[in-house]
Amino acid sequence: MSKPYEASRRVESDNPEAVVTAVREATSELRDELQRDGIDVSFQDLALLGHSESWDGEGQRWVHVAWDGTEAG
């Protein structure tokens, strides 16, 4: 079983473009981490997996992307 990989980014504002930017940055970070570990996966494949959102105790919004070793679709 492979380890799960995750990346998160804080959303800087309520502007929808800020959410898109945070998701792109987290997805790029995740892709780079996977590639450093010798796992060849494209940005597009990771983007198909989607993202989740959460709010911390201070009310700050976060986006999260994760890869558990399975492919999208």
N, C-alpha and C. Protein backbone atom coordinates (compact mmCIF):
# COMPACT_ATOMS: atom_id res chain seq x y z
N MET A 1 0.85 -1.19 0.00
CA MET A 1 0.00 0.00 0.00
C MET A 1 0.88 1.24 0.00
N SER A 2 0.60 2.19 -0.86
CA SER A 2 1.39 3.41 -0.93
C SER A 2 0.90 4.42 0.09
N LYS A 3 1.81 5.31 0.46
CA LYS A 3 1.42 6.34 1.42
C LYS A 3 0.56 7.39 0.74
N PRO A 4 -0.34 8.01 1.47
CA PRO A 4 -1.13 9.09 0.88
C PRO A 4 -0.29 10.36 0.76
N TYR A 5 -0.53 11.11 -0.26
CA TYR A 5 0.15 12.38 -0.47
C TYR A 5 -0.90 13.48 -0.39
N GLU A 6 -0.55 14.60 0.25
CA GLU A 6 -1.50 15.71 0.40
C GLU A 6 -0.77 17.04 0.30
N ALA A 7 -1.51 18.05 -0.11
CA ALA A 7 -1.01 19.43 -0.11
C ALA A 7 -2.19 20.34 0.19
N SER A 8 -1.92 21.41 0.91
CA SER A 8 -2.98 22.37 1.28
C SER A 8 -2.50 23.79 1.03
N ARG A 9 -3.45 24.65 0.79
CA ARG A 9 -3.16 26.07 0.63
C ARG A 9 -4.26 26.89 1.30
N ARG A 10 -3.86 27.99 1.90
CA ARG A 10 -4.82 28.92 2.48
C ARG A 10 -5.44 29.75 1.37
N VAL A 11 -6.74 29.97 1.45
CA VAL A 11 -7.44 30.81 0.47
C VAL A 11 -7.38 32.24 1.00
N GLU A 12 -6.83 33.13 0.19
CA GLU A 12 -6.54 34.49 0.63
C GLU A 12 -7.76 35.41 0.71
N SER A 13 -8.84 35.08 -0.01
CA SER A 13 -10.04 35.93 0.03
C SER A 13 -11.24 35.10 -0.40
N ASP A 14 -12.42 35.68 -0.33
CA ASP A 14 -13.64 35.00 -0.77
C ASP A 14 -13.84 35.06 -2.28
N ASN A 15 -12.96 35.75 -2.97
CA ASN A 15 -13.03 35.86 -4.42
C ASN A 15 -12.86 34.46 -5.03
N PRO A 16 -13.74 34.06 -5.94
CA PRO A 16 -13.62 32.74 -6.56
C PRO A 16 -12.26 32.49 -7.21
N GLU A 17 -11.65 33.53 -7.76
CA GLU A 17 -10.33 33.36 -8.38
C GLU A 17 -9.28 33.01 -7.34
N ALA A 18 -9.45 33.47 -6.10
CA ALA A 18 -8.50 33.12 -5.03
C ALA A 18 -8.58 31.63 -4.71
N VAL A 19 -9.78 31.08 -4.79
CA VAL A 19 -9.94 29.64 -4.56
C VAL A 19 -9.25 28.86 -5.68
N VAL A 20 -9.47 29.27 -6.90
CA VAL A 20 -8.86 28.61 -8.06
C VAL A 20 -7.33 28.67 -7.95
N THR A 21 -6.81 29.82 -7.58
CA THR A 21 -5.36 29.98 -7.44
C THR A 21 -4.82 29.05 -6.34
N ALA A 22 -5.50 28.99 -5.21
CA ALA A 22 -5.05 28.13 -4.12
C ALA A 22 -5.08 26.66 -4.53
N VAL A 23 -6.12 26.24 -5.25
CA VAL A 23 -6.20 24.85 -5.71
C VAL A 23 -5.08 24.56 -6.70
N ARG A 24 -4.82 25.48 -7.62
CA ARG A 24 -3.73 25.27 -8.59
C ARG A 24 -2.38 25.13 -7.88
N GLU A 25 -2.13 26.01 -6.89
CA GLU A 25 -0.86 25.97 -6.16
C GLU A 25 -0.72 24.66 -5.38
N ALA A 26 -1.78 24.23 -4.72
CA ALA A 26 -1.72 22.98 -3.96
C ALA A 26 -1.53 21.79 -4.90
N THR A 27 -2.21 21.80 -6.04
CA THR A 27 -2.08 20.72 -7.01
C THR A 27 -0.66 20.66 -7.58
N SER A 28 -0.08 21.81 -7.87
CA SER A 28 1.30 21.85 -8.36
C SER A 28 2.27 21.32 -7.30
N GLU A 29 2.07 21.71 -6.05
CA GLU A 29 2.92 21.22 -4.97
C GLU A 29 2.82 19.71 -4.84
N LEU A 30 1.60 19.20 -4.92
CA LEU A 30 1.39 17.75 -4.82
C LEU A 30 2.06 17.03 -5.98
N ARG A 31 1.91 17.54 -7.19
CA ARG A 31 2.55 16.92 -8.36
C ARG A 31 4.07 16.90 -8.19
N ASP A 32 4.64 18.01 -7.72
CA ASP A 32 6.09 18.08 -7.52
C ASP A 32 6.55 17.08 -6.47
N GLU A 33 5.81 16.93 -5.39
CA GLU A 33 6.16 15.98 -4.34
C GLU A 33 6.12 14.55 -4.88
N LEU A 34 5.09 14.23 -5.65
CA LEU A 34 4.98 12.91 -6.24
C LEU A 34 6.14 12.64 -7.18
N GLN A 35 6.48 13.62 -8.01
CA GLN A 35 7.58 13.44 -8.96
C GLN A 35 8.91 13.26 -8.24
N ARG A 36 9.11 13.96 -7.12
CA ARG A 36 10.34 13.77 -6.33
C ARG A 36 10.45 12.33 -5.82
N ASP A 37 9.31 11.72 -5.56
CA ASP A 37 9.31 10.33 -5.10
C ASP A 37 9.23 9.32 -6.25
N GLY A 38 9.42 9.81 -7.49
CA GLY A 38 9.47 8.92 -8.64
C GLY A 38 8.12 8.49 -9.18
N ILE A 39 7.07 9.20 -8.80
CA ILE A 39 5.72 8.87 -9.28
C ILE A 39 5.36 9.85 -10.39
N ASP A 40 5.14 9.33 -11.58
CA ASP A 40 4.85 10.15 -12.74
C ASP A 40 3.34 10.33 -12.89
N VAL A 41 2.87 11.50 -12.51
CA VAL A 41 1.44 11.81 -12.63
C VAL A 41 1.33 13.25 -13.12
N SER A 42 0.40 13.50 -14.00
CA SER A 42 0.27 14.83 -14.58
C SER A 42 -0.60 15.74 -13.71
N PHE A 43 -0.44 17.02 -13.91
CA PHE A 43 -1.28 18.01 -13.24
C PHE A 43 -2.74 17.74 -13.57
N GLN A 44 -3.03 17.43 -14.82
CA GLN A 44 -4.40 17.19 -15.26
C GLN A 44 -5.01 15.99 -14.54
N ASP A 45 -4.23 14.91 -14.38
CA ASP A 45 -4.74 13.74 -13.67
C ASP A 45 -5.07 14.08 -12.22
N LEU A 46 -4.20 14.85 -11.56
CA LEU A 46 -4.46 15.25 -10.19
C LEU A 46 -5.67 16.17 -10.11
N ALA A 47 -5.81 17.06 -11.08
CA ALA A 47 -6.94 18.00 -11.08
C ALA A 47 -8.27 17.25 -11.19
N LEU A 48 -8.28 16.14 -11.89
CA LEU A 48 -9.51 15.35 -12.03
C LEU A 48 -9.98 14.76 -10.69
N LEU A 49 -9.05 14.62 -9.76
CA LEU A 49 -9.41 14.07 -8.45
C LEU A 49 -10.17 15.07 -7.59
N GLY A 50 -10.09 16.34 -7.95
CA GLY A 50 -10.82 17.37 -7.21
C GLY A 50 -10.09 17.82 -5.96
N HIS A 51 -10.80 18.56 -5.12
CA HIS A 51 -10.22 19.09 -3.89
C HIS A 51 -11.29 19.14 -2.81
N SER A 52 -10.85 19.34 -1.59
CA SER A 52 -11.79 19.56 -0.49
C SER A 52 -11.47 20.91 0.14
N GLU A 53 -12.38 21.41 0.94
CA GLU A 53 -12.18 22.69 1.62
C GLU A 53 -12.51 22.54 3.09
N SER A 54 -11.85 23.35 3.90
CA SER A 54 -12.12 23.36 5.33
C SER A 54 -11.85 24.76 5.88
N TRP A 55 -12.30 24.97 7.09
CA TRP A 55 -12.05 26.23 7.80
C TRP A 55 -11.39 25.87 9.12
N ASP A 56 -10.34 26.62 9.47
CA ASP A 56 -9.66 26.35 10.73
C ASP A 56 -10.35 27.07 11.88
N GLY A 57 -9.80 26.95 13.07
CA GLY A 57 -10.40 27.53 14.27
C GLY A 57 -10.46 29.05 14.25
N GLU A 58 -9.67 29.67 13.38
CA GLU A 58 -9.67 31.13 13.26
C GLU A 58 -10.57 31.60 12.12
N GLY A 59 -11.27 30.68 11.49
CA GLY A 59 -12.18 31.03 10.40
C GLY A 59 -11.50 31.16 9.05
N GLN A 60 -10.25 30.74 8.95
CA GLN A 60 -9.52 30.82 7.69
C GLN A 60 -9.88 29.63 6.80
N ARG A 61 -10.15 29.90 5.55
CA ARG A 61 -10.53 28.87 4.58
C ARG A 61 -9.28 28.24 3.97
N TRP A 62 -9.31 26.91 3.82
CA TRP A 62 -8.21 26.15 3.24
C TRP A 62 -8.74 25.23 2.15
N VAL A 63 -7.90 24.96 1.14
CA VAL A 63 -8.20 23.93 0.15
C VAL A 63 -7.17 22.82 0.30
N HIS A 64 -7.60 21.59 0.00
CA HIS A 64 -6.74 20.42 0.16
C HIS A 64 -6.87 19.55 -1.08
N VAL A 65 -5.74 19.05 -1.54
CA VAL A 65 -5.72 18.06 -2.61
C VAL A 65 -4.96 16.84 -2.10
N ALA A 66 -5.36 15.68 -2.55
CA ALA A 66 -4.74 14.46 -2.05
C ALA A 66 -4.69 13.41 -3.14
N TRP A 67 -3.71 12.52 -3.04
CA TRP A 67 -3.56 11.39 -3.95
C TRP A 67 -3.22 10.18 -3.10
N ASP A 68 -3.99 9.12 -3.26
CA ASP A 68 -3.78 7.93 -2.44
C ASP A 68 -3.23 6.74 -3.24
N GLY A 69 -2.77 7.03 -4.43
CA GLY A 69 -2.19 5.97 -5.25
C GLY A 69 -3.12 5.43 -6.31
N THR A 70 -4.36 5.89 -6.32
CA THR A 70 -5.29 5.46 -7.35
C THR A 70 -5.47 6.55 -8.39
N GLU A 71 -5.87 6.17 -9.55
CA GLU A 71 -6.06 7.13 -10.64
C GLU A 71 -7.49 7.64 -10.67
N ALA A 72 -7.66 8.83 -11.18
CA ALA A 72 -9.00 9.41 -11.32
C ALA A 72 -9.77 8.62 -12.37
N GLY A 73 -11.11 8.68 -12.25
CA GLY A 73 -11.96 8.07 -13.25
C GLY A 73 -12.34 6.72 -12.84
